[in-house]
């Protein structure tokens, strides 16, 4: 099984979080479309059926990749 690049996953999570915040502050059709696109992409990259599962898998991947790179086990990286 292919493992997604942690940098790509981190970028998707950051974009997802930014769009969720933007939508919470003020609904915008453009941001809603972008959020839907990022959500689908995150699900596809992580091989998940829901965005919640994709975020959980992304979080686990980033923690594992940080551990493999010698990082400390601090805070969760997903939103």
Protein backbone atom coordinates (compact mmCIF):
# COMPACT_ATOMS: atom_id res chain seq x y z
CA UNK A 1 0.00 0.00 0.00
CA UNK A 2 1.24 3.47 -0.87
CA UNK A 3 1.82 5.87 1.99
CA UNK A 4 0.95 9.52 1.32
CA UNK A 5 3.68 12.13 1.61
CA UNK A 6 3.36 13.71 5.09
CA UNK A 7 4.01 17.18 3.61
CA UNK A 8 1.06 16.79 1.24
CA UNK A 9 -1.14 15.52 4.07
CA UNK A 10 -0.13 18.41 6.33
CA UNK A 11 -0.92 20.88 3.53
CA UNK A 12 -4.37 19.33 3.00
CA UNK A 13 -5.12 19.42 6.74
CA UNK A 14 -4.06 23.06 6.96
CA UNK A 15 -6.24 24.01 4.00
CA UNK A 16 -9.17 22.03 5.41
CA UNK A 17 -8.86 23.77 8.79
CA UNK A 18 -8.57 27.23 7.21
CA UNK A 19 -11.67 26.68 5.10
CA UNK A 20 -13.66 25.32 8.04
CA UNK A 21 -12.78 28.42 10.04
CA UNK A 22 -13.68 30.70 7.12
CA UNK A 23 -17.05 28.96 6.75
CA UNK A 24 -17.73 29.18 10.48
CA UNK A 25 -17.02 32.91 10.47
CA UNK A 26 -19.00 33.72 7.33
CA UNK A 27 -20.59 31.32 4.89
CA UNK A 28 -19.27 31.74 1.39
CA UNK A 29 -20.21 29.62 -1.65
CA UNK A 30 -16.64 29.70 -3.02
CA UNK A 31 -15.16 28.56 0.31
CA UNK A 32 -17.86 25.88 0.57
CA UNK A 33 -16.86 24.48 -2.85
CA UNK A 34 -13.18 24.57 -1.92
CA UNK A 35 -13.93 22.87 1.40
CA UNK A 36 -15.83 20.11 -0.39
CA UNK A 37 -12.93 19.66 -2.84
CA UNK A 38 -10.30 19.53 -0.09
CA UNK A 39 -12.46 17.11 1.91
CA UNK A 40 -12.77 14.75 -1.08
CA UNK A 41 -9.05 14.99 -1.79
CA UNK A 42 -8.16 14.29 1.84
CA UNK A 43 -10.46 11.27 1.85
CA UNK A 44 -8.94 9.97 -1.38
CA UNK A 45 -5.35 10.49 -0.27
CA UNK A 46 -5.97 8.80 3.08
CA UNK A 47 -8.22 6.05 1.67
CA UNK A 48 -11.09 7.01 3.95
CA UNK A 49 -14.85 7.11 3.43
CA UNK A 50 -15.45 10.17 5.62
CA UNK A 51 -13.53 13.32 6.35
CA UNK A 52 -13.51 12.42 10.06
CA UNK A 53 -11.80 9.10 9.28
CA UNK A 54 -9.41 10.85 6.89
CA UNK A 55 -8.40 13.33 9.59
CA UNK A 56 -7.83 10.54 12.10
CA UNK A 57 -5.70 8.61 9.61
CA UNK A 58 -3.81 11.76 8.64
CA UNK A 59 -3.12 12.52 12.29
CA UNK A 60 -1.77 8.99 12.84
CA UNK A 61 0.39 9.22 9.71
CA UNK A 62 1.88 12.56 10.74
CA UNK A 63 2.60 11.34 14.27
CA UNK A 64 4.26 8.20 12.90
CA UNK A 65 6.31 10.16 10.36
CA UNK A 66 7.42 12.62 13.03
CA UNK A 67 8.44 9.73 15.27
CA UNK A 68 10.40 8.13 12.43
CA UNK A 69 12.16 11.44 11.84
CA UNK A 70 13.16 11.68 15.51
CA UNK A 71 10.56 14.23 16.60
CA UNK A 72 9.06 14.39 20.07
CA UNK A 73 5.60 13.04 20.78
CA UNK A 74 3.89 16.39 21.53
CA UNK A 75 0.52 17.62 20.34
CA UNK A 76 -1.80 16.15 17.75
CA UNK A 77 -1.17 17.58 14.28
CA UNK A 78 -4.68 17.22 12.89
CA UNK A 79 -7.53 19.60 13.45
